[in-house]
Amino acid sequence: MSARQHGFTMIELVVAITISVIVVGFIASFIAVPVQAHLGQARRSELAASAEAVTHWMSRDVRRALPNSVRVATVGGRPSVEMISFQEVSIYRDDTLTAGTADNAFDVVAAPAVGGQFVVINNLGTGIQSAYAAATRVRATAQVVVGNTTIGLNPAFNFVAQSPRRRAFLVPAAPVIRYECDLVARTLRRYDGLAVTAAMAAVPGGTPSTLIARDVTACTFTAPPAPVANQDHGGLMRIRVTISRVTNGATDSLRIMKQLKVEEAS
């Protein structure tokens, strides 16, 4: 009695492999569609989060900016917008402040909570009525000494004009906030605590910043029109930022277009 050898023939093996490939292909096709959809949704969610960060930060800072202090420029090839922040605003008694005369103090309705800063009154953002007029803020600000309901000026200071709404803005010593698009690094960064300069200059290397968005491929800032003295209305600053991201050969782009209300009344 002889033993029979059992096994697969070459044809059976080829047929089995072919069927396995077909089955695996069907399974992969069913899995690939939801996986790709999930990855695409994740990319779009990341873009939406970046857009939300841009609008959140810029809206907040523009809303809190000193009236007429928003300005734009392209610095070193980088579209930029900056503004002066303020810590507090006080209503002053106009009979204690005389425009055109050097004052060493004036009275306010309520005592400010902060001191040792600078005062800005009736900033129009142009000429000698600009808080950017010089690094020392000559003719726009003066050092503050707060006592009760009196703000002392040291040294005495000559304000150019009264505020139509009798508002005195208290700003810190380094009050400038800047947003800067670096289209080479593809980033949008926020700087704060910058010194006042007459014109927008390059930020010194190594200055701390906050990364607001990555993969920025286009960036445009449009400043509001120049204000008209004593007109109580606001302007609009326009921002357009494009974020593009390539993942595994797939490109997703999102353009952020927003108009931000800028207060002009001082």
C-alpha atoms as a PDB file:
ATOM      1  CA  MET A   1       0.000   0.000   0.000  1.00  0.00           C
ATOM      2  CA  SER A   2       1.442   3.315  -1.035  1.00  0.00           C
ATOM      3  CA  ALA A   3       0.825   6.668   0.663  1.00  0.00           C
ATOM      4  CA  ARG A   4      -0.692   9.415  -1.472  1.00  0.00           C
ATOM      5  CA  GLN A   5       0.881  12.907  -1.382  1.00  0.00           C
ATOM      6  CA  HIS A   6      -1.684  15.711  -0.810  1.00  0.00           C
ATOM      7  CA  GLY A   7      -0.980  19.466  -1.605  1.00  0.00           C
ATOM      8  CA  PHE A   8      -1.789  22.460  -3.816  1.00  0.00           C
ATOM      9  CA  THR A   9      -1.010  22.480  -7.461  1.00  0.00           C
ATOM     10  CA  MET A  10       0.523  25.636  -8.977  1.00  0.00           C
ATOM     11  CA  ILE A  11      -2.778  26.529 -10.635  1.00  0.00           C
ATOM     12  CA  GLU A  12      -4.668  26.249  -7.338  1.00  0.00           C
ATOM     13  CA  LEU A  13      -2.094  28.426  -5.614  1.00  0.00           C
ATOM     14  CA  VAL A  14      -2.325  31.150  -8.280  1.00  0.00           C
ATOM     15  CA  VAL A  15      -6.132  31.105  -8.101  1.00  0.00           C
ATOM     16  CA  ALA A  16      -6.051  31.377  -4.295  1.00  0.00           C
ATOM     17  CA  ILE A  17      -3.638  34.328  -4.404  1.00  0.00           C
ATOM     18  CA  THR A  18      -5.742  36.106  -7.044  1.00  0.00           C
ATOM     19  CA  ILE A  19      -8.905  35.727  -5.012  1.00  0.00           C
ATOM     20  CA  SER A  20      -7.108  36.970  -1.893  1.00  0.00           C
ATOM     21  CA  VAL A  21      -5.844  40.061  -3.732  1.00  0.00           C
ATOM     22  CA  ILE A  22      -9.358  40.832  -4.987  1.00  0.00           C
ATOM     23  CA  VAL A  23     -10.851  40.449  -1.503  1.00  0.00           C
ATOM     24  CA  VAL A  24      -8.148  42.608   0.083  1.00  0.00           C
ATOM     25  CA  GLY A  25      -8.637  45.217  -2.631  1.00  0.00           C
ATOM     26  CA  PHE A  26     -12.366  45.405  -1.939  1.00  0.00           C
ATOM     27  CA  ILE A  27     -11.749  45.737   1.790  1.00  0.00           C
ATOM     28  CA  ALA A  28      -9.098  48.432   1.267  1.00  0.00           C
ATOM     29  CA  SER A  29     -11.415  50.436  -1.013  1.00  0.00           C
ATOM     30  CA  PHE A  30     -14.152  50.414   1.605  1.00  0.00           C
ATOM     31  CA  ILE A  31     -11.718  51.470   4.331  1.00  0.00           C
ATOM     32  CA  ALA A  32      -9.875  54.107   2.268  1.00  0.00           C
ATOM     33  CA  VAL A  33     -12.946  56.268   1.594  1.00  0.00           C
ATOM     34  CA  PRO A  34     -13.856  56.956   5.237  1.00  0.00           C
ATOM     35  CA  VAL A  35     -10.170  57.302   6.185  1.00  0.00           C
ATOM     36  CA  GLN A  36      -9.604  59.917   3.476  1.00  0.00           C
ATOM     37  CA  ALA A  37     -12.790  61.688   4.485  1.00  0.00           C
ATOM     38  CA  HIS A  38     -11.629  61.744   8.094  1.00  0.00           C
ATOM     39  CA  LEU A  39      -8.203  63.121   7.152  1.00  0.00           C
ATOM     40  CA  GLY A  40      -9.804  65.781   4.953  1.00  0.00           C
ATOM     41  CA  GLN A  41     -12.134  66.813   7.750  1.00  0.00           C
ATOM     42  CA  ALA A  42      -9.176  67.021  10.133  1.00  0.00           C
ATOM     43  CA  ARG A  43      -7.306  69.314   7.711  1.00  0.00           C
ATOM     44  CA  ARG A  44     -10.316  71.573   7.317  1.00  0.00           C
ATOM     45  CA  SER A  45     -10.813  71.678  11.087  1.00  0.00           C
ATOM     46  CA  GLU A  46      -7.198  72.778  11.533  1.00  0.00           C
ATOM     47  CA  LEU A  47      -7.678  75.552   8.962  1.00  0.00           C
ATOM     48  CA  ALA A  48     -10.887  76.666  10.656  1.00  0.00           C
ATOM     49  CA  ALA A  49      -9.089  76.754  14.023  1.00  0.00           C
ATOM     50  CA  SER A  50      -6.338  78.927  12.524  1.00  0.00           C
ATOM     51  CA  ALA A  51      -8.931  81.282  11.049  1.00  0.00           C
ATOM     52  CA  GLU A  52     -10.677  81.516  14.407  1.00  0.00           C
ATOM     53  CA  ALA A  53      -7.371  82.383  16.112  1.00  0.00           C
ATOM     54  CA  VAL A  54      -6.664  85.169  13.601  1.00  0.00           C
ATOM     55  CA  THR A  55     -10.073  86.806  13.956  1.00  0.00           C
ATOM     56  CA  HIS A  56     -10.196  86.344  17.738  1.00  0.00           C
ATOM     57  CA  TRP A  57      -6.833  87.926  18.505  1.00  0.00           C
ATOM     58  CA  MET A  58      -7.054  90.760  15.991  1.00  0.00           C
ATOM     59  CA  SER A  59     -10.662  91.642  16.824  1.00  0.00           C
ATOM     60  CA  ARG A  60      -9.839  91.799  20.523  1.00  0.00           C
ATOM     61  CA  ASP A  61      -6.767  94.007  20.103  1.00  0.00           C
ATOM     62  CA  VAL A  62      -8.340  96.398  17.588  1.00  0.00           C
ATOM     63  CA  ARG A  63     -11.372  96.803  19.843  1.00  0.00           C
ATOM     64  CA  ARG A  64      -9.102  97.746  22.767  1.00  0.00           C
ATOM     65  CA  ALA A  65      -6.759  99.996  20.791  1.00  0.00           C
ATOM     66  CA  LEU A  66      -6.240 103.700  21.408  1.00  0.00           C
ATOM     67  CA  PRO A  67      -8.521 105.629  19.013  1.00  0.00           C
ATOM     68  CA  ASN A  68      -6.790 106.477  15.723  1.00  0.00           C
ATOM     69  CA  SER A  69      -3.705 104.422  16.541  1.00  0.00           C
ATOM     70  CA  VAL A  70      -4.187 101.592  14.022  1.00  0.00           C
ATOM     71  CA  ARG A  71      -1.669 101.846  11.181  1.00  0.00           C
ATOM     72  CA  VAL A  72      -0.405  99.471   8.498  1.00  0.00           C
ATOM     73  CA  ALA A  73       2.797  99.130   6.497  1.00  0.00           C
ATOM     74  CA  THR A  74       4.980  96.577   4.764  1.00  0.00           C
ATOM     75  CA  VAL A  75       8.192  96.285   6.776  1.00  0.00           C
ATOM     76  CA  GLY A  76      11.024  94.259   5.299  1.00  0.00           C
ATOM     77  CA  GLY A  77       8.599  92.645   2.874  1.00  0.00           C
ATOM     78  CA  ARG A  78       6.252  91.659   5.696  1.00  0.00           C
ATOM     79  CA  PRO A  79       2.683  93.058   5.734  1.00  0.00           C
ATOM     80  CA  SER A  80       2.150  94.436   9.239  1.00  0.00           C
ATOM     81  CA  VAL A  81      -0.447  96.225  11.321  1.00  0.00           C
ATOM     82  CA  GLU A  82       0.133  97.802  14.697  1.00  0.00           C
ATOM     83  CA  MET A  83      -1.768  99.755  17.308  1.00  0.00           C
ATOM     84  CA  ILE A  84      -1.310 101.347  20.725  1.00  0.00           C
ATOM     85  CA  SER A  85      -2.941  99.579  23.637  1.00  0.00           C
ATOM     86  CA  PHE A  86      -4.300 101.417  26.661  1.00  0.00           C
ATOM     87  CA  GLN A  87      -4.909 100.278  30.209  1.00  0.00           C
ATOM     88  CA  GLU A  88      -7.626 102.645  31.306  1.00  0.00           C
ATOM     89  CA  VAL A  89      -9.620 105.677  30.234  1.00  0.00           C
ATOM     90  CA  SER A  90     -10.704 108.483  32.588  1.00  0.00           C
ATOM     91  CA  ILE A  91     -13.117 111.373  32.135  1.00  0.00           C
ATOM     92  CA  TYR A  92     -11.428 114.655  33.040  1.00  0.00           C
ATOM     93  CA  ARG A  93     -12.794 118.058  34.034  1.00  0.00           C
ATOM     94  CA  ASP A  94     -12.119 120.371  31.108  1.00  0.00           C
ATOM     95  CA  ASP A  95     -11.929 123.410  33.391  1.00  0.00           C
ATOM     96  CA  THR A  96      -8.746 121.954  34.904  1.00  0.00           C
ATOM     97  CA  LEU A  97      -6.943 121.296  31.613  1.00  0.00           C
ATOM     98  CA  THR A  98      -6.101 124.121  29.230  1.00  0.00           C
ATOM     99  CA  ALA A  99      -5.075 123.249  25.673  1.00  0.00           C
ATOM    100  CA  GLY A 100      -2.130 125.298  24.454  1.00  0.00           C
ATOM    101  CA  THR A 101      -0.813 125.866  27.963  1.00  0.00           C
ATOM    102  CA  ALA A 102       1.619 123.684  29.886  1.00  0.00           C
ATOM    103  CA  ASP A 103      -0.334 121.903  32.640  1.00  0.00           C
ATOM    104  CA  ASN A 104       1.204 119.999  35.522  1.00  0.00           C
ATOM    105  CA  ALA A 105      -2.061 118.375  36.670  1.00  0.00           C
ATOM    106  CA  PHE A 106      -5.738 117.998  35.854  1.00  0.00           C
ATOM    107  CA  ASP A 107      -8.729 116.505  37.665  1.00  0.00           C
ATOM    108  CA  VAL A 108     -10.663 113.400  36.680  1.00  0.00           C
ATOM    109  CA  VAL A 109     -14.116 112.235  37.711  1.00  0.00           C
ATOM    110  CA  ALA A 110     -12.820 109.041  39.337  1.00  0.00           C
ATOM    111  CA  ALA A 111      -9.331 108.033  40.388  1.00  0.00           C
ATOM    112  CA  PRO A 112      -7.611 105.749  37.843  1.00  0.00           C
ATOM    113  CA  ALA A 113      -6.607 102.320  39.092  1.00  0.00           C
ATOM    114  CA  VAL A 114      -3.143 102.508  37.509  1.00  0.00           C
ATOM    115  CA  GLY A 115      -0.352 105.052  37.623  1.00  0.00           C
ATOM    116  CA  GLY A 116       3.191 105.617  36.458  1.00  0.00           C
ATOM    117  CA  GLN A 117       2.128 105.400  32.800  1.00  0.00           C
ATOM    118  CA  PHE A 118       1.468 107.947  30.042  1.00  0.00           C
ATOM    119  CA  VAL A 119      -1.531 110.071  29.120  1.00  0.00           C
ATOM    120  CA  VAL A 120      -2.942 110.548  25.612  1.00  0.00           C
ATOM    121  CA  ILE A 121      -5.624 113.161  24.976  1.00  0.00           C
ATOM    122  CA  ASN A 122      -7.349 113.718  21.623  1.00  0.00           C
ATOM    123  CA  ASN A 123      -5.096 111.536  19.492  1.00  0.00           C
ATOM    124  CA  LEU A 124      -5.955 112.045  15.818  1.00  0.00           C
ATOM    125  CA  GLY A 125      -3.122 109.893  14.514  1.00  0.00           C
ATOM    126  CA  THR A 126      -1.733 112.615  12.254  1.00  0.00           C
ATOM    127  CA  GLY A 127       0.778 115.448  12.515  1.00  0.00           C
ATOM    128  CA  ILE A 128       1.507 116.740  15.981  1.00  0.00           C
ATOM    129  CA  GLN A 129      -1.692 115.121  17.275  1.00  0.00           C
ATOM    130  CA  SER A 130      -0.295 111.636  16.819  1.00  0.00           C
ATOM    131  CA  ALA A 131       0.704 109.346  19.660  1.00  0.00           C
ATOM    132  CA  TYR A 132       3.366 108.075  17.234  1.00  0.00           C
ATOM    133  CA  ALA A 133       4.852 111.536  16.725  1.00  0.00           C
ATOM    134  CA  ALA A 134       8.060 110.597  18.558  1.00  0.00           C
ATOM    135  CA  ALA A 135       9.435 107.868  20.789  1.00  0.00           C
ATOM    136  CA  THR A 136       8.917 110.172  23.796  1.00  0.00           C
ATOM    137  CA  ARG A 137       5.359 110.900  22.631  1.00  0.00           C
ATOM    138  CA  VAL A 138       6.011 114.642  22.683  1.00  0.00           C
ATOM    139  CA  ARG A 139       2.784 116.671  22.317  1.00  0.00           C
ATOM    140  CA  ALA A 140       0.712 113.541  22.694  1.00  0.00           C
ATOM    141  CA  THR A 141       1.444 112.142  26.110  1.00  0.00           C
ATOM    142  CA  ALA A 142       2.930 112.956  29.481  1.00  0.00           C
ATOM    143  CA  GLN A 143       4.160 110.976  32.458  1.00  0.00           C
ATOM    144  CA  VAL A 144       1.425 110.209  34.968  1.00  0.00           C
ATOM    145  CA  VAL A 145       1.447 110.585  38.723  1.00  0.00           C
ATOM    146  CA  VAL A 146      -1.923 109.537  40.136  1.00  0.00           C
ATOM    147  CA  GLY A 147      -3.226 110.879  43.439  1.00  0.00           C
ATOM    148  CA  ASN A 148      -6.885 110.736  44.417  1.00  0.00           C
ATOM    149  CA  THR A 149      -8.812 112.259  41.496  1.00  0.00           C
ATOM    150  CA  THR A 150      -5.900 114.267  40.137  1.00  0.00           C
ATOM    151  CA  ILE A 151      -3.484 113.157  37.442  1.00  0.00           C
ATOM    152  CA  GLY A 152      -0.171 114.914  37.808  1.00  0.00           C
ATOM    153  CA  LEU A 153       2.063 115.524  34.818  1.00  0.00           C
ATOM    154  CA  ASN A 154       5.788 115.328  35.358  1.00  0.00           C
ATOM    155  CA  PRO A 155       7.096 117.344  33.672  1.00  0.00           C
ATOM    156  CA  ALA A 156       4.343 119.844  32.854  1.00  0.00           C
ATOM    157  CA  PHE A 157       2.832 119.158  29.451  1.00  0.00           C
ATOM    158  CA  ASN A 158       1.127 121.195  26.719  1.00  0.00           C
ATOM    159  CA  PHE A 159      -1.745 119.244  25.156  1.00  0.00           C
ATOM    160  CA  VAL A 160      -2.564 120.454  21.652  1.00  0.00           C
ATOM    161  CA  ALA A 161      -6.357 120.212  21.930  1.00  0.00           C
ATOM    162  CA  GLN A 162      -9.138 119.155  24.250  1.00  0.00           C
ATOM    163  CA  SER A 163     -10.840 115.800  23.789  1.00  0.00           C
ATOM    164  CA  PRO A 164     -14.411 116.257  22.458  1.00  0.00           C
ATOM    165  CA  ARG A 165     -15.528 113.622  24.961  1.00  0.00           C
ATOM    166  CA  ARG A 166     -13.130 114.723  27.738  1.00  0.00           C
ATOM    167  CA  ARG A 167     -11.356 111.374  27.727  1.00  0.00           C
ATOM    168  CA  ALA A 168      -7.815 110.825  28.972  1.00  0.00           C
ATOM    169  CA  PHE A 169      -6.299 107.488  27.948  1.00  0.00           C
ATOM    170  CA  LEU A 170      -3.653 105.914  30.159  1.00  0.00           C
ATOM    171  CA  VAL A 171      -1.196 103.775  28.199  1.00  0.00           C
ATOM    172  CA  PRO A 172       1.811 101.725  29.346  1.00  0.00           C
ATOM    173  CA  ALA A 173       5.427 102.700  28.693  1.00  0.00           C
ATOM    174  CA  ALA A 174       5.757 100.157  25.849  1.00  0.00           C
ATOM    175  CA  PRO A 175       2.216 100.008  24.487  1.00  0.00           C
ATOM    176  CA  VAL A 176       2.544  98.907  20.859  1.00  0.00           C
ATOM    177  CA  ILE A 177       0.977  95.664  19.583  1.00  0.00           C
ATOM    178  CA  ARG A 178       1.962  94.416  16.135  1.00  0.00           C
ATOM    179  CA  TYR A 179       0.756  91.646  13.827  1.00  0.00           C
ATOM    180  CA  GLU A 180       3.294  90.626  11.203  1.00  0.00           C
ATOM    181  CA  CYS A 181       2.926  88.238   8.254  1.00  0.00           C
ATOM    182  CA  ASP A 182       6.129  86.483   7.226  1.00  0.00           C
ATOM    183  CA  LEU A 183       5.289  84.991   3.836  1.00  0.00           C
ATOM    184  CA  VAL A 184       8.678  83.256   3.657  1.00  0.00           C
ATOM    185  CA  ALA A 185       8.222  81.450   6.969  1.00  0.00           C
ATOM    186  CA  ARG A 186       4.448  81.321   6.218  1.00  0.00           C
ATOM    187  CA  THR A 187       3.476  82.602   9.661  1.00  0.00           C
ATOM    188  CA  LEU A 188       1.365  85.300  11.286  1.00  0.00           C
ATOM    189  CA  ARG A 189       2.844  86.446  14.600  1.00  0.00           C
ATOM    190  CA  ARG A 190       1.698  88.830  17.327  1.00  0.00           C
ATOM    191  CA  TYR A 191       4.135  91.052  19.215  1.00  0.00           C
ATOM    192  CA  ASP A 192       3.260  93.149  22.240  1.00  0.00           C
ATOM    193  CA  GLY A 193       5.124  95.437  24.596  1.00  0.00           C
ATOM    194  CA  LEU A 194       6.912  97.192  21.733  1.00  0.00           C
ATOM    195  CA  ALA A 195       8.203 100.741  22.068  1.00  0.00           C
ATOM    196  CA  VAL A 196       6.585 103.661  20.241  1.00  0.00           C
ATOM    197  CA  THR A 197       8.364 104.707  17.028  1.00  0.00           C
ATOM    198  CA  ALA A 198       7.547 107.520  14.625  1.00  0.00           C
ATOM    199  CA  ALA A 199       7.386 105.045  11.723  1.00  0.00           C
ATOM    200  CA  MET A 200       6.963 101.296  11.672  1.00  0.00           C
ATOM    201  CA  ALA A 201      10.393  99.675  11.804  1.00  0.00           C
ATOM    202  CA  ALA A 202      11.636  96.089  11.804  1.00  0.00           C
ATOM    203  CA  VAL A 203      11.116  94.228  15.050  1.00  0.00           C
ATOM    204  CA  PRO A 204      14.489  93.483  16.683  1.00  0.00           C
ATOM    205  CA  GLY A 205      15.608  89.887  16.288  1.00  0.00           C
ATOM    206  CA  GLY A 206      14.802  87.645  19.213  1.00  0.00           C
ATOM    207  CA  THR A 207      11.777  89.693  20.301  1.00  0.00           C
ATOM    208  CA  PRO A 208       9.236  87.335  21.960  1.00  0.00           C
ATOM    209  CA  SER A 209       6.085  86.740  19.950  1.00  0.00           C
ATOM    210  CA  THR A 210       2.975  84.586  19.822  1.00  0.00           C
ATOM    211  CA  LEU A 211       2.386  82.373  16.784  1.00  0.00           C
ATOM    212  CA  ILE A 212      -1.178  83.026  15.630  1.00  0.00           C
ATOM    213  CA  ALA A 213      -1.287  81.013  12.384  1.00  0.00           C
ATOM    214  CA  ARG A 214       0.914  78.753  10.251  1.00  0.00           C
ATOM    215  CA  ASP A 215       0.881  78.089   6.492  1.00  0.00           C
ATOM    216  CA  VAL A 216       0.008  81.730   5.674  1.00  0.00           C
ATOM    217  CA  THR A 217       0.394  82.255   1.921  1.00  0.00           C
ATOM    218  CA  ALA A 218      -1.160  85.711   1.466  1.00  0.00           C
ATOM    219  CA  CYS A 219      -1.799  88.614   3.791  1.00  0.00           C
ATOM    220  CA  THR A 220      -3.288  92.098   3.284  1.00  0.00           C
ATOM    221  CA  PHE A 221      -4.122  94.734   5.883  1.00  0.00           C
ATOM    222  CA  THR A 222      -6.011  97.906   4.932  1.00  0.00           C
ATOM    223  CA  ALA A 223      -6.090 100.764   7.420  1.00  0.00           C
ATOM    224  CA  PRO A 224      -9.214 102.854   8.041  1.00  0.00           C
ATOM    225  CA  PRO A 225      -9.300 106.299   6.393  1.00  0.00           C
ATOM    226  CA  ALA A 226      -7.766 109.245   8.214  1.00  0.00           C
ATOM    227  CA  PRO A 227     -10.157 110.642  10.833  1.00  0.00           C
ATOM    228  CA  VAL A 228     -11.812 114.039  10.704  1.00  0.00           C
ATOM    229  CA  ALA A 229     -11.367 116.128  13.851  1.00  0.00           C
ATOM    230  CA  ASN A 230     -14.291 116.061  16.303  1.00  0.00           C
ATOM    231  CA  GLN A 231     -16.353 113.586  14.288  1.00  0.00           C
ATOM    232  CA  ASP A 232     -17.732 110.874  16.555  1.00  0.00           C
ATOM    233  CA  HIS A 233     -17.700 107.783  14.357  1.00  0.00           C
ATOM    234  CA  GLY A 234     -15.511 104.804  13.650  1.00  0.00           C
ATOM    235  CA  GLY A 235     -13.718 103.431  10.617  1.00  0.00           C
ATOM    236  CA  LEU A 236     -13.139  99.939   9.309  1.00  0.00           C
ATOM    237  CA  MET A 237      -9.881  98.058   9.071  1.00  0.00           C
ATOM    238  CA  ARG A 238      -9.918  95.214   6.548  1.00  0.00           C
ATOM    239  CA  ILE A 239      -7.897  92.041   6.864  1.00  0.00           C
ATOM    240  CA  ARG A 240      -7.422  89.316   4.245  1.00  0.00           C
ATOM    241  CA  VAL A 241      -5.352  86.296   5.209  1.00  0.00           C
ATOM    242  CA  THR A 242      -5.033  83.099   3.156  1.00  0.00           C
ATOM    243  CA  ILE A 243      -3.948  79.853   4.801  1.00  0.00           C
ATOM    244  CA  SER A 244      -2.976  76.934   2.534  1.00  0.00           C
ATOM    245  CA  ARG A 245      -1.917  73.513   3.707  1.00  0.00           C
ATOM    246  CA  VAL A 246      -0.679  70.516   1.675  1.00  0.00           C
ATOM    247  CA  THR A 247      -1.051  67.062   3.232  1.00  0.00           C
ATOM    248  CA  ASN A 248      -0.191  63.888   1.293  1.00  0.00           C
ATOM    249  CA  GLY A 249      -0.532  65.756  -1.971  1.00  0.00           C
ATOM    250  CA  ALA A 250      -3.934  67.257  -1.093  1.00  0.00           C
ATOM    251  CA  THR A 251      -4.177  71.055  -0.813  1.00  0.00           C
ATOM    252  CA  ASP A 252      -6.734  72.861   1.334  1.00  0.00           C
ATOM    253  CA  SER A 253      -6.983  76.653   1.389  1.00  0.00           C
ATOM    254  CA  LEU A 254      -9.021  79.054   3.472  1.00  0.00           C
ATOM    255  CA  ARG A 255      -9.271  82.812   2.960  1.00  0.00           C
ATOM    256  CA  ILE A 256     -10.151  84.956   5.946  1.00  0.00           C
ATOM    257  CA  MET A 257     -11.810  88.271   5.074  1.00  0.00           C
ATOM    258  CA  LYS A 258     -13.009  90.456   7.897  1.00  0.00           C
ATOM    259  CA  GLN A 259     -13.815  94.099   8.594  1.00  0.00           C
ATOM    260  CA  LEU A 260     -12.961  95.284  12.085  1.00  0.00           C
ATOM    261  CA  LYS A 261     -14.571  98.365  13.637  1.00  0.00           C
ATOM    262  CA  VAL A 262     -11.943 100.904  14.677  1.00  0.00           C
ATOM    263  CA  GLU A 263     -12.886 103.639  17.113  1.00  0.00           C
ATOM    264  CA  GLU A 264     -11.922 107.117  15.995  1.00  0.00           C
ATOM    265  CA  ALA A 265     -13.563 109.362  18.576  1.00  0.00           C
ATOM    266  CA  SER A 266     -11.132 110.561  21.208  1.00  0.00           C
END
